[in-house]
Amino acid sequence: MDQNTTQMTEQGVIREARKSYSRSLLNISIFYAVFYIIITIIIRLMPEKPTGQTQLLVNYIPFYCIAFPFYLLISKFLPKSVPEKKSLPVIQFILTFFCCECISIAGSLIGAMFNVVLSLLLGKNTSSMFLLEGVFGNDSILFLMIAIVFAPFVEEMVFRKVLIDRIRKYGDGLAIVISGLMFGLFHGNLTQFFYATGIGMLLAFMYVRTGKAQYNILMHMMMNFWGTFLPRILLRNVDMQAYVSALKKQDIATLMELLPSLSPVMILGCVNFTMAAVGLVVMILKRKDFHVNPPEVTLPKKKRLSAAFLNIGFCSLFAVCIIRFIQQLAEALK
């Protein structure tokens, strides 16, 4: 094969790879656009702005019952490459959970530091209070059902199963990075971005190694249960409205008064840090096991990143996520 033919072949492969990345990521943008259009129409048709439990229903029913099925439909027509299915021993699953806890704590600390810097620059608190208000607010039961059952299923299907199956042909490593990065960005705030990105990458790695999305869904459910429902049980006797208000106002005196009643969750925090320490040791000792299989189609090294990131799909999804960041930041600054 002469040089011109080789170059034409490489260009064809790069073009096909860019198309696969673009269409797969563009579908997620369309998924969110469909949700946004539907929810905008619903809110405008309502006589007054929804609040409380009605607001949660208005937000999430279109997301899970309309936009998500539509996303599955349009993604069905894209070519896919499913990882080989392998079982994951229980002990490895548990240790992976510990690793997720380590990434969660480390990512939360990084996010907190960035929020502190941003808050100092803007003169206002920029931390997202959405999760705290949702978990401990008046409508927390509905929020917990969404967080523990529906969100893990949909998010793992979108950002792991469907997305990775469509782009892993050109390299599991790059698919893992894209999956984690888009998952972190899609959360739309600095508070969650860093740990969501890290956990997203670990879950993506677990998926490409096992080929079984049920492991991811179960792990995601466990993480959300551990981080939302369990603290709520431990803090059921605490005046959480006062706690959330004190956090918003940075009222140290009120927080100190509430401190004794927070002892159960402080014990949970010690358990979390112990699990995180174990997870850190596991990741260090098993670092050589974090490898992936060679790509089915090898792209030229100089073109891999441009094929994955310089395309309409990535740019559109990145723009959607940045808009979410700006919206949540604007809400925090009110």
C-alpha atoms as a PDB file:
ATOM      1  CA  MET A   1       0.000   0.000   0.000  1.00  0.00           C
ATOM      2  CA  ASP A   2       1.535   3.347  -1.104  1.00  0.00           C
ATOM      3  CA  GLN A   3       1.775   6.450   1.080  1.00  0.00           C
ATOM      4  CA  ASN A   4      -1.209   8.247  -0.502  1.00  0.00           C
ATOM      5  CA  THR A   5      -3.463   5.244   0.023  1.00  0.00           C
ATOM      6  CA  THR A   6      -2.307   4.945   3.638  1.00  0.00           C
ATOM      7  CA  GLN A   7      -3.053   8.622   4.268  1.00  0.00           C
ATOM      8  CA  MET A   8      -6.493   8.297   2.698  1.00  0.00           C
ATOM      9  CA  THR A   9      -7.210   5.259   4.868  1.00  0.00           C
ATOM     10  CA  GLU A  10      -6.093   7.099   8.027  1.00  0.00           C
ATOM     11  CA  GLN A  11      -8.203  10.137   7.139  1.00  0.00           C
ATOM     12  CA  GLY A  12     -11.221   7.908   6.651  1.00  0.00           C
ATOM     13  CA  VAL A  13     -10.702   6.266  10.044  1.00  0.00           C
ATOM     14  CA  ILE A  14     -10.228   9.648  11.751  1.00  0.00           C
ATOM     15  CA  ARG A  15     -13.339  11.019  10.057  1.00  0.00           C
ATOM     16  CA  GLU A  16     -15.383   8.000  11.175  1.00  0.00           C
ATOM     17  CA  ALA A  17     -14.035   8.280  14.731  1.00  0.00           C
ATOM     18  CA  ARG A  18     -14.858  11.991  14.926  1.00  0.00           C
ATOM     19  CA  LYS A  19     -18.353  11.209  13.661  1.00  0.00           C
ATOM     20  CA  SER A  20     -18.869   8.516  16.317  1.00  0.00           C
ATOM     21  CA  TYR A  21     -17.699  10.784  19.142  1.00  0.00           C
ATOM     22  CA  SER A  22     -19.746  13.688  17.832  1.00  0.00           C
ATOM     23  CA  ARG A  23     -23.025  11.832  17.370  1.00  0.00           C
ATOM     24  CA  SER A  24     -22.755  10.057  20.720  1.00  0.00           C
ATOM     25  CA  LEU A  25     -22.138  13.271  22.660  1.00  0.00           C
ATOM     26  CA  LEU A  26     -24.593  15.270  20.582  1.00  0.00           C
ATOM     27  CA  ASN A  27     -27.325  12.799  21.585  1.00  0.00           C
ATOM     28  CA  ILE A  28     -26.760  13.707  25.243  1.00  0.00           C
ATOM     29  CA  SER A  29     -27.128  17.391  24.338  1.00  0.00           C
ATOM     30  CA  ILE A  30     -30.364  16.577  22.501  1.00  0.00           C
ATOM     31  CA  PHE A  31     -31.503  14.593  25.553  1.00  0.00           C
ATOM     32  CA  TYR A  32     -31.067  17.643  27.764  1.00  0.00           C
ATOM     33  CA  ALA A  33     -32.560  19.998  25.154  1.00  0.00           C
ATOM     34  CA  VAL A  34     -35.719  17.864  24.939  1.00  0.00           C
ATOM     35  CA  PHE A  35     -36.009  17.908  28.725  1.00  0.00           C
ATOM     36  CA  TYR A  36     -35.474  21.680  28.898  1.00  0.00           C
ATOM     37  CA  ILE A  37     -38.060  22.388  26.189  1.00  0.00           C
ATOM     38  CA  ILE A  38     -40.666  20.174  27.850  1.00  0.00           C
ATOM     39  CA  ILE A  39     -40.137  21.601  31.324  1.00  0.00           C
ATOM     40  CA  THR A  40     -40.254  25.173  29.965  1.00  0.00           C
ATOM     41  CA  ILE A  41     -43.583  24.480  28.278  1.00  0.00           C
ATOM     42  CA  ILE A  42     -45.008  22.866  31.429  1.00  0.00           C
ATOM     43  CA  ILE A  43     -43.959  25.762  33.677  1.00  0.00           C
ATOM     44  CA  ARG A  44     -45.401  28.340  31.303  1.00  0.00           C
ATOM     45  CA  LEU A  45     -48.702  26.473  31.168  1.00  0.00           C
ATOM     46  CA  MET A  46     -48.967  26.306  34.964  1.00  0.00           C
ATOM     47  CA  PRO A  47     -50.917  29.125  36.668  1.00  0.00           C
ATOM     48  CA  GLU A  48     -48.106  29.719  39.171  1.00  0.00           C
ATOM     49  CA  LYS A  49     -44.476  28.759  39.600  1.00  0.00           C
ATOM     50  CA  PRO A  50     -44.187  25.207  41.036  1.00  0.00           C
ATOM     51  CA  THR A  51     -42.642  24.798  44.473  1.00  0.00           C
ATOM     52  CA  GLY A  52     -41.806  21.979  46.862  1.00  0.00           C
ATOM     53  CA  GLN A  53     -42.912  18.517  45.840  1.00  0.00           C
ATOM     54  CA  THR A  54     -44.659  19.836  42.723  1.00  0.00           C
ATOM     55  CA  GLN A  55     -41.398  21.377  41.566  1.00  0.00           C
ATOM     56  CA  LEU A  56     -39.575  18.053  41.938  1.00  0.00           C
ATOM     57  CA  LEU A  57     -42.281  16.271  39.948  1.00  0.00           C
ATOM     58  CA  VAL A  58     -42.229  18.931  37.232  1.00  0.00           C
ATOM     59  CA  ASN A  59     -38.443  18.705  37.011  1.00  0.00           C
ATOM     60  CA  TYR A  60     -37.970  14.961  37.035  1.00  0.00           C
ATOM     61  CA  ILE A  61     -40.986  13.346  35.356  1.00  0.00           C
ATOM     62  CA  PRO A  62     -40.093  14.902  31.958  1.00  0.00           C
ATOM     63  CA  PHE A  63     -36.433  14.021  32.564  1.00  0.00           C
ATOM     64  CA  TYR A  64     -36.930  10.338  33.353  1.00  0.00           C
ATOM     65  CA  CYS A  65     -40.181   9.514  31.553  1.00  0.00           C
ATOM     66  CA  ILE A  66     -39.847  11.470  28.298  1.00  0.00           C
ATOM     67  CA  ALA A  67     -36.336  12.765  27.597  1.00  0.00           C
ATOM     68  CA  PHE A  68     -34.536   9.586  28.716  1.00  0.00           C
ATOM     69  CA  PRO A  69     -36.616   7.162  26.571  1.00  0.00           C
ATOM     70  CA  PHE A  70     -36.147   9.541  23.633  1.00  0.00           C
ATOM     71  CA  TYR A  71     -32.372   9.476  24.221  1.00  0.00           C
ATOM     72  CA  LEU A  72     -32.367   5.669  24.190  1.00  0.00           C
ATOM     73  CA  LEU A  73     -34.325   5.709  20.946  1.00  0.00           C
ATOM     74  CA  ILE A  74     -31.999   8.047  19.046  1.00  0.00           C
ATOM     75  CA  SER A  75     -28.899   6.265  20.401  1.00  0.00           C
ATOM     76  CA  LYS A  76     -30.211   2.890  19.288  1.00  0.00           C
ATOM     77  CA  PHE A  77     -29.259   3.659  15.695  1.00  0.00           C
ATOM     78  CA  LEU A  78     -25.585   4.334  16.448  1.00  0.00           C
ATOM     79  CA  PRO A  79     -23.090   1.478  16.000  1.00  0.00           C
ATOM     80  CA  LYS A  80     -21.814   0.044  19.262  1.00  0.00           C
ATOM     81  CA  SER A  81     -19.067  -2.134  20.662  1.00  0.00           C
ATOM     82  CA  VAL A  82     -20.000  -3.827  23.939  1.00  0.00           C
ATOM     83  CA  PRO A  83     -17.179  -4.825  26.359  1.00  0.00           C
ATOM     84  CA  GLU A  84     -16.703  -8.493  27.087  1.00  0.00           C
ATOM     85  CA  LYS A  85     -18.874  -9.537  30.028  1.00  0.00           C
ATOM     86  CA  LYS A  86     -16.998 -10.641  33.139  1.00  0.00           C
ATOM     87  CA  SER A  87     -18.055 -11.249  36.727  1.00  0.00           C
ATOM     88  CA  LEU A  88     -16.826  -9.011  39.527  1.00  0.00           C
ATOM     89  CA  PRO A  89     -16.070 -10.784  42.838  1.00  0.00           C
ATOM     90  CA  VAL A  90     -17.881  -9.401  45.873  1.00  0.00           C
ATOM     91  CA  ILE A  91     -14.653  -8.389  47.625  1.00  0.00           C
ATOM     92  CA  GLN A  92     -13.550  -6.382  44.567  1.00  0.00           C
ATOM     93  CA  PHE A  93     -16.948  -4.711  44.415  1.00  0.00           C
ATOM     94  CA  ILE A  94     -16.666  -3.687  48.080  1.00  0.00           C
ATOM     95  CA  LEU A  95     -13.114  -2.410  47.627  1.00  0.00           C
ATOM     96  CA  THR A  96     -14.277  -0.421  44.597  1.00  0.00           C
ATOM     97  CA  PHE A  97     -16.898   1.168  46.838  1.00  0.00           C
ATOM     98  CA  PHE A  98     -14.122   2.179  49.239  1.00  0.00           C
ATOM     99  CA  CYS A  99     -12.198   3.662  46.300  1.00  0.00           C
ATOM    100  CA  CYS A 100     -15.305   5.637  45.315  1.00  0.00           C
ATOM    101  CA  GLU A 101     -15.512   6.969  48.872  1.00  0.00           C
ATOM    102  CA  CYS A 102     -11.864   8.047  48.697  1.00  0.00           C
ATOM    103  CA  ILE A 103     -12.452   9.879  45.409  1.00  0.00           C
ATOM    104  CA  SER A 104     -15.664  11.391  46.788  1.00  0.00           C
ATOM    105  CA  ILE A 105     -13.947  12.895  49.837  1.00  0.00           C
ATOM    106  CA  ALA A 106     -10.896  14.089  47.886  1.00  0.00           C
ATOM    107  CA  GLY A 107     -13.054  15.583  45.149  1.00  0.00           C
ATOM    108  CA  SER A 108     -15.340  17.273  47.686  1.00  0.00           C
ATOM    109  CA  LEU A 109     -12.346  18.897  49.379  1.00  0.00           C
ATOM    110  CA  ILE A 110     -11.010  20.147  46.041  1.00  0.00           C
ATOM    111  CA  GLY A 111     -14.449  21.479  45.128  1.00  0.00           C
ATOM    112  CA  ALA A 112     -14.719  23.199  48.509  1.00  0.00           C
ATOM    113  CA  MET A 113     -11.342  24.889  48.008  1.00  0.00           C
ATOM    114  CA  PHE A 114     -12.347  26.168  44.582  1.00  0.00           C
ATOM    115  CA  ASN A 115     -15.618  27.465  46.040  1.00  0.00           C
ATOM    116  CA  VAL A 116     -13.740  29.276  48.796  1.00  0.00           C
ATOM    117  CA  VAL A 117     -11.480  30.994  46.255  1.00  0.00           C
ATOM    118  CA  LEU A 118     -14.451  31.878  44.031  1.00  0.00           C
ATOM    119  CA  SER A 119     -16.427  33.131  47.023  1.00  0.00           C
ATOM    120  CA  LEU A 120     -13.544  35.404  48.043  1.00  0.00           C
ATOM    121  CA  LEU A 121     -13.263  36.757  44.510  1.00  0.00           C
ATOM    122  CA  LEU A 122     -17.001  37.408  44.136  1.00  0.00           C
ATOM    123  CA  GLY A 123     -17.700  38.390  47.729  1.00  0.00           C
ATOM    124  CA  LYS A 124     -20.550  35.861  48.064  1.00  0.00           C
ATOM    125  CA  ASN A 125     -20.879  32.192  48.905  1.00  0.00           C
ATOM    126  CA  THR A 126     -20.840  30.157  45.673  1.00  0.00           C
ATOM    127  CA  SER A 127     -21.298  26.673  47.174  1.00  0.00           C
ATOM    128  CA  SER A 128     -24.261  24.757  45.788  1.00  0.00           C
ATOM    129  CA  MET A 129     -26.874  24.070  48.475  1.00  0.00           C
ATOM    130  CA  PHE A 130     -29.094  22.028  46.134  1.00  0.00           C
ATOM    131  CA  LEU A 131     -28.214  18.596  47.525  1.00  0.00           C
ATOM    132  CA  LEU A 132     -28.372  19.669  51.157  1.00  0.00           C
ATOM    133  CA  GLU A 133     -31.736  21.360  50.712  1.00  0.00           C
ATOM    134  CA  GLY A 134     -33.114  18.446  48.714  1.00  0.00           C
ATOM    135  CA  VAL A 135     -32.051  15.755  51.159  1.00  0.00           C
ATOM    136  CA  PHE A 136     -33.119  17.557  54.332  1.00  0.00           C
ATOM    137  CA  GLY A 137     -35.965  19.724  53.052  1.00  0.00           C
ATOM    138  CA  ASN A 138     -39.702  19.117  53.340  1.00  0.00           C
ATOM    139  CA  ASP A 139     -39.753  17.028  50.171  1.00  0.00           C
ATOM    140  CA  SER A 140     -36.739  14.880  50.997  1.00  0.00           C
ATOM    141  CA  ILE A 141     -38.516  11.495  50.677  1.00  0.00           C
ATOM    142  CA  LEU A 142     -39.323  12.138  47.037  1.00  0.00           C
ATOM    143  CA  PHE A 143     -35.838  13.526  46.494  1.00  0.00           C
ATOM    144  CA  LEU A 144     -34.307  10.401  48.033  1.00  0.00           C
ATOM    145  CA  MET A 145     -36.358   8.115  45.789  1.00  0.00           C
ATOM    146  CA  ILE A 146     -35.065  10.034  42.801  1.00  0.00           C
ATOM    147  CA  ALA A 147     -31.472  10.143  44.093  1.00  0.00           C
ATOM    148  CA  ILE A 148     -31.242   6.489  45.144  1.00  0.00           C
ATOM    149  CA  VAL A 149     -33.362   4.702  42.536  1.00  0.00           C
ATOM    150  CA  PHE A 150     -33.984   6.683  39.360  1.00  0.00           C
ATOM    151  CA  ALA A 151     -30.861   8.852  39.062  1.00  0.00           C
ATOM    152  CA  PRO A 152     -28.327   5.989  39.335  1.00  0.00           C
ATOM    153  CA  PHE A 153     -30.142   3.943  36.693  1.00  0.00           C
ATOM    154  CA  VAL A 154     -30.514   6.778  34.178  1.00  0.00           C
ATOM    155  CA  GLU A 155     -27.070   8.294  34.727  1.00  0.00           C
ATOM    156  CA  GLU A 156     -25.279   4.958  34.407  1.00  0.00           C
ATOM    157  CA  MET A 157     -27.198   4.150  31.253  1.00  0.00           C
ATOM    158  CA  VAL A 158     -26.471   7.543  29.696  1.00  0.00           C
ATOM    159  CA  PHE A 159     -22.860   8.168  30.740  1.00  0.00           C
ATOM    160  CA  ARG A 160     -21.587   4.615  30.965  1.00  0.00           C
ATOM    161  CA  LYS A 161     -23.562   1.962  29.102  1.00  0.00           C
ATOM    162  CA  VAL A 162     -24.860   3.871  26.069  1.00  0.00           C
ATOM    163  CA  LEU A 163     -22.036   6.400  25.685  1.00  0.00           C
ATOM    164  CA  ILE A 164     -19.111   4.032  26.220  1.00  0.00           C
ATOM    165  CA  ASP A 165     -20.574   1.341  23.964  1.00  0.00           C
ATOM    166  CA  ARG A 166     -20.625   3.917  21.147  1.00  0.00           C
ATOM    167  CA  ILE A 167     -17.092   5.322  21.534  1.00  0.00           C
ATOM    168  CA  ARG A 168     -14.895   2.609  23.113  1.00  0.00           C
ATOM    169  CA  LYS A 169     -14.060   1.186  19.688  1.00  0.00           C
ATOM    170  CA  TYR A 170     -11.381   3.871  19.436  1.00  0.00           C
ATOM    171  CA  GLY A 171      -9.936   3.264  22.892  1.00  0.00           C
ATOM    172  CA  ASP A 172     -11.260   2.397  26.325  1.00  0.00           C
ATOM    173  CA  GLY A 173      -8.939   4.900  27.988  1.00  0.00           C
ATOM    174  CA  LEU A 174     -10.292   7.886  26.103  1.00  0.00           C
ATOM    175  CA  ALA A 175     -13.857   6.609  26.550  1.00  0.00           C
ATOM    176  CA  ILE A 176     -13.299   6.470  30.317  1.00  0.00           C
ATOM    177  CA  VAL A 177     -11.980  10.053  30.396  1.00  0.00           C
ATOM    178  CA  ILE A 178     -14.862  11.398  28.294  1.00  0.00           C
ATOM    179  CA  SER A 179     -17.446   9.503  30.349  1.00  0.00           C
ATOM    180  CA  GLY A 180     -16.094  10.820  33.647  1.00  0.00           C
ATOM    181  CA  LEU A 181     -15.531  14.376  32.432  1.00  0.00           C
ATOM    182  CA  MET A 182     -18.997  14.711  30.906  1.00  0.00           C
ATOM    183  CA  PHE A 183     -20.554  13.162  34.016  1.00  0.00           C
ATOM    184  CA  GLY A 184     -18.793  15.717  36.213  1.00  0.00           C
ATOM    185  CA  LEU A 185     -19.635  18.650  33.977  1.00  0.00           C
ATOM    186  CA  PHE A 186     -23.268  17.591  33.701  1.00  0.00           C
ATOM    187  CA  HIS A 187     -23.722  18.090  37.460  1.00  0.00           C
ATOM    188  CA  GLY A 188     -23.338  21.796  36.754  1.00  0.00           C
ATOM    189  CA  ASN A 189     -21.510  23.043  39.873  1.00  0.00           C
ATOM    190  CA  LEU A 190     -18.053  23.098  41.425  1.00  0.00           C
ATOM    191  CA  THR A 191     -19.314  21.421  44.599  1.00  0.00           C
ATOM    192  CA  GLN A 192     -19.940  18.169  42.724  1.00  0.00           C
ATOM    193  CA  PHE A 193     -17.742  18.515  39.627  1.00  0.00           C
ATOM    194  CA  PHE A 194     -14.466  17.095  40.932  1.00  0.00           C
ATOM    195  CA  TYR A 195     -15.757  14.070  42.819  1.00  0.00           C
ATOM    196  CA  ALA A 196     -18.361  13.313  40.141  1.00  0.00           C
ATOM    197  CA  THR A 197     -15.642  13.352  37.473  1.00  0.00           C
ATOM    198  CA  GLY A 198     -13.382  11.047  39.489  1.00  0.00           C
ATOM    199  CA  ILE A 199     -16.123   8.615  40.434  1.00  0.00           C
ATOM    200  CA  GLY A 200     -17.428   8.745  36.862  1.00  0.00           C
ATOM    201  CA  MET A 201     -14.041   7.638  35.558  1.00  0.00           C
ATOM    202  CA  LEU A 202     -13.793   4.817  38.097  1.00  0.00           C
ATOM    203  CA  LEU A 203     -17.292   3.593  37.244  1.00  0.00           C
ATOM    204  CA  ALA A 204     -16.448   3.837  33.543  1.00  0.00           C
ATOM    205  CA  PHE A 205     -13.337   1.730  34.168  1.00  0.00           C
ATOM    206  CA  MET A 206     -15.436  -0.816  36.035  1.00  0.00           C
ATOM    207  CA  TYR A 207     -17.858  -0.989  33.122  1.00  0.00           C
ATOM    208  CA  VAL A 208     -15.218  -1.523  30.419  1.00  0.00           C
ATOM    209  CA  ARG A 209     -13.630  -4.237  32.579  1.00  0.00           C
ATOM    210  CA  THR A 210     -16.884  -6.105  33.320  1.00  0.00           C
ATOM    211  CA  GLY A 211     -19.263  -5.131  30.510  1.00  0.00           C
ATOM    212  CA  LYS A 212     -22.123  -5.285  33.023  1.00  0.00           C
ATOM    213  CA  ALA A 213     -24.005  -2.050  33.681  1.00  0.00           C
ATOM    214  CA  GLN A 214     -25.802  -3.629  36.654  1.00  0.00           C
ATOM    215  CA  TYR A 215     -22.578  -3.373  38.679  1.00  0.00           C
ATOM    216  CA  ASN A 216     -22.416   0.343  37.921  1.00  0.00           C
ATOM    217  CA  ILE A 217     -26.054   0.942  38.769  1.00  0.00           C
ATOM    218  CA  LEU A 218     -25.769  -0.919  42.072  1.00  0.00           C
ATOM    219  CA  MET A 219     -22.546   0.915  42.980  1.00  0.00           C
ATOM    220  CA  HIS A 220     -24.143   4.265  42.117  1.00  0.00           C
ATOM    221  CA  MET A 221     -27.195   3.414  44.224  1.00  0.00           C
ATOM    222  CA  MET A 222     -24.951   2.503  47.157  1.00  0.00           C
ATOM    223  CA  MET A 223     -22.999   5.743  46.850  1.00  0.00           C
ATOM    224  CA  ASN A 224     -26.158   7.848  46.763  1.00  0.00           C
ATOM    225  CA  PHE A 225     -27.703   5.886  49.642  1.00  0.00           C
ATOM    226  CA  TRP A 226     -24.561   6.303  51.719  1.00  0.00           C
ATOM    227  CA  GLY A 227     -24.340  10.008  50.981  1.00  0.00           C
ATOM    228  CA  THR A 228     -28.036  10.958  51.242  1.00  0.00           C
ATOM    229  CA  PHE A 229     -30.358   8.521  52.978  1.00  0.00           C
ATOM    230  CA  LEU A 230     -27.982   7.360  55.714  1.00  0.00           C
ATOM    231  CA  PRO A 231     -27.103  10.893  56.927  1.00  0.00           C
ATOM    232  CA  ARG A 232     -30.810  11.709  56.953  1.00  0.00           C
ATOM    233  CA  ILE A 233     -31.502   8.747  59.256  1.00  0.00           C
ATOM    234  CA  LEU A 234     -28.692   9.768  61.595  1.00  0.00           C
ATOM    235  CA  LEU A 235     -29.870  13.380  61.661  1.00  0.00           C
ATOM    236  CA  ARG A 236     -33.603  12.748  61.995  1.00  0.00           C
ATOM    237  CA  ASN A 237     -33.682  14.522  65.394  1.00  0.00           C
ATOM    238  CA  VAL A 238     -31.743  17.568  64.215  1.00  0.00           C
ATOM    239  CA  ASP A 239     -33.405  20.803  63.139  1.00  0.00           C
ATOM    240  CA  MET A 240     -32.026  20.632  59.606  1.00  0.00           C
ATOM    241  CA  GLN A 241     -33.834  23.769  58.476  1.00  0.00           C
ATOM    242  CA  ALA A 242     -31.865  25.731  61.062  1.00  0.00           C
ATOM    243  CA  TYR A 243     -28.682  23.881  60.065  1.00  0.00           C
ATOM    244  CA  VAL A 244     -29.093  24.629  56.349  1.00  0.00           C
ATOM    245  CA  SER A 245     -29.947  28.259  57.139  1.00  0.00           C
ATOM    246  CA  ALA A 246     -26.864  28.595  59.354  1.00  0.00           C
ATOM    247  CA  LEU A 247     -24.662  27.132  56.622  1.00  0.00           C
ATOM    248  CA  LYS A 248     -26.061  29.553  54.074  1.00  0.00           C
ATOM    249  CA  LYS A 249     -25.492  32.514  56.385  1.00  0.00           C
ATOM    250  CA  GLN A 250     -22.197  31.075  57.689  1.00  0.00           C
ATOM    251  CA  ASP A 251     -23.599  31.549  61.207  1.00  0.00           C
ATOM    252  CA  ILE A 252     -20.843  29.955  63.311  1.00  0.00           C
ATOM    253  CA  ALA A 253     -22.662  30.513  66.641  1.00  0.00           C
ATOM    254  CA  THR A 254     -25.753  28.571  65.518  1.00  0.00           C
ATOM    255  CA  LEU A 255     -23.602  25.824  64.016  1.00  0.00           C
ATOM    256  CA  MET A 256     -21.762  25.437  67.344  1.00  0.00           C
ATOM    257  CA  GLU A 257     -25.089  25.129  69.186  1.00  0.00           C
ATOM    258  CA  LEU A 258     -26.164  22.367  66.813  1.00  0.00           C
ATOM    259  CA  LEU A 259     -22.823  20.572  67.045  1.00  0.00           C
ATOM    260  CA  PRO A 260     -23.733  18.082  69.852  1.00  0.00           C
ATOM    261  CA  SER A 261     -26.778  16.842  67.923  1.00  0.00           C
ATOM    262  CA  LEU A 262     -24.546  16.233  64.908  1.00  0.00           C
ATOM    263  CA  SER A 263     -22.469  13.574  66.696  1.00  0.00           C
ATOM    264  CA  PRO A 264     -24.050  10.600  64.823  1.00  0.00           C
ATOM    265  CA  VAL A 265     -23.110  12.029  61.461  1.00  0.00           C
ATOM    266  CA  MET A 266     -19.663  12.883  62.789  1.00  0.00           C
ATOM    267  CA  ILE A 267     -19.214   9.199  63.615  1.00  0.00           C
ATOM    268  CA  LEU A 268     -20.328   8.405  60.071  1.00  0.00           C
ATOM    269  CA  GLY A 269     -17.703  10.858  58.887  1.00  0.00           C
ATOM    270  CA  CYS A 270     -15.015   8.926  60.769  1.00  0.00           C
ATOM    271  CA  VAL A 271     -16.230   5.709  59.133  1.00  0.00           C
ATOM    272  CA  ASN A 272     -16.137   7.415  55.733  1.00  0.00           C
ATOM    273  CA  PHE A 273     -12.567   8.591  56.239  1.00  0.00           C
ATOM    274  CA  THR A 274     -11.544   5.070  57.316  1.00  0.00           C
ATOM    275  CA  MET A 275     -13.139   3.614  54.192  1.00  0.00           C
ATOM    276  CA  ALA A 276     -11.461   6.308  52.104  1.00  0.00           C
ATOM    277  CA  ALA A 277      -8.074   5.467  53.611  1.00  0.00           C
ATOM    278  CA  VAL A 278      -8.581   1.807  52.720  1.00  0.00           C
ATOM    279  CA  GLY A 279      -9.641   2.856  49.233  1.00  0.00           C
ATOM    280  CA  LEU A 280      -6.503   4.974  48.835  1.00  0.00           C
ATOM    281  CA  VAL A 281      -4.294   2.051  49.870  1.00  0.00           C
ATOM    282  CA  VAL A 282      -6.116  -0.231  47.434  1.00  0.00           C
ATOM    283  CA  MET A 283      -5.653   2.212  44.543  1.00  0.00           C
ATOM    284  CA  ILE A 284      -1.940   2.553  45.337  1.00  0.00           C
ATOM    285  CA  LEU A 285      -1.322  -1.183  45.688  1.00  0.00           C
ATOM    286  CA  LYS A 286      -3.450  -2.073  42.663  1.00  0.00           C
ATOM    287  CA  ARG A 287      -2.318   0.806  40.451  1.00  0.00           C
ATOM    288  CA  LYS A 288      -0.804  -1.595  37.917  1.00  0.00           C
ATOM    289  CA  ASP A 289      -4.212  -3.239  37.485  1.00  0.00           C
ATOM    290  CA  PHE A 290      -5.701   0.007  36.150  1.00  0.00           C
ATOM    291  CA  HIS A 291      -5.073  -0.827  32.520  1.00  0.00           C
ATOM    292  CA  VAL A 292      -7.402  -1.235  29.568  1.00  0.00           C
ATOM    293  CA  ASN A 293      -7.464  -3.340  26.443  1.00  0.00           C
ATOM    294  CA  PRO A 294      -6.020  -2.020  23.162  1.00  0.00           C
ATOM    295  CA  PRO A 295      -8.524  -0.190  20.929  1.00  0.00           C
ATOM    296  CA  GLU A 296     -10.335  -2.091  18.216  1.00  0.00           C
ATOM    297  CA  VAL A 297      -9.431   0.689  15.787  1.00  0.00           C
ATOM    298  CA  THR A 298      -6.165   2.517  16.389  1.00  0.00           C
ATOM    299  CA  LEU A 299      -6.092   6.222  15.596  1.00  0.00           C
ATOM    300  CA  PRO A 300      -2.889   8.145  14.827  1.00  0.00           C
ATOM    301  CA  LYS A 301      -1.556   9.523  18.119  1.00  0.00           C
ATOM    302  CA  LYS A 302      -1.622  13.118  16.929  1.00  0.00           C
ATOM    303  CA  LYS A 303      -5.279  12.856  15.927  1.00  0.00           C
ATOM    304  CA  ARG A 304      -6.810  10.987  18.894  1.00  0.00           C
ATOM    305  CA  LEU A 305      -7.605  14.021  21.025  1.00  0.00           C
ATOM    306  CA  SER A 306      -8.803  16.168  18.133  1.00  0.00           C
ATOM    307  CA  ALA A 307     -11.134  13.397  16.940  1.00  0.00           C
ATOM    308  CA  ALA A 308     -12.619  13.035  20.433  1.00  0.00           C
ATOM    309  CA  PHE A 309     -12.838  16.679  21.490  1.00  0.00           C
ATOM    310  CA  LEU A 310     -12.869  18.841  18.357  1.00  0.00           C
ATOM    311  CA  ASN A 311     -16.298  17.938  17.065  1.00  0.00           C
ATOM    312  CA  ILE A 312     -19.816  19.361  17.154  1.00  0.00           C
ATOM    313  CA  GLY A 313     -21.096  16.830  19.691  1.00  0.00           C
ATOM    314  CA  PHE A 314     -18.437  17.506  22.317  1.00  0.00           C
ATOM    315  CA  CYS A 315     -18.613  21.287  21.829  1.00  0.00           C
ATOM    316  CA  SER A 316     -22.411  21.304  22.111  1.00  0.00           C
ATOM    317  CA  LEU A 317     -22.451  19.173  25.264  1.00  0.00           C
ATOM    318  CA  PHE A 318     -19.623  21.207  26.785  1.00  0.00           C
ATOM    319  CA  ALA A 319     -21.621  24.381  26.078  1.00  0.00           C
ATOM    320  CA  VAL A 320     -24.739  22.887  27.698  1.00  0.00           C
ATOM    321  CA  CYS A 321     -22.749  21.982  30.811  1.00  0.00           C
ATOM    322  CA  ILE A 322     -21.161  25.438  31.059  1.00  0.00           C
ATOM    323  CA  ILE A 323     -24.617  27.001  30.841  1.00  0.00           C
ATOM    324  CA  ARG A 324     -25.692  24.754  33.739  1.00  0.00           C
ATOM    325  CA  PHE A 325     -22.658  25.932  35.718  1.00  0.00           C
ATOM    326  CA  ILE A 326     -23.554  29.571  35.098  1.00  0.00           C
ATOM    327  CA  GLN A 327     -27.209  28.996  36.020  1.00  0.00           C
ATOM    328  CA  GLN A 328     -26.385  27.269  39.314  1.00  0.00           C
ATOM    329  CA  LEU A 329     -23.757  29.876  40.130  1.00  0.00           C
ATOM    330  CA  ALA A 330     -26.301  32.620  39.518  1.00  0.00           C
ATOM    331  CA  GLU A 331     -28.742  30.832  41.842  1.00  0.00           C
ATOM    332  CA  ALA A 332     -26.090  30.540  44.558  1.00  0.00           C
ATOM    333  CA  LEU A 333     -25.264  34.252  44.283  1.00  0.00           C
ATOM    334  CA  LYS A 334     -28.877  35.396  44.757  1.00  0.00           C
END
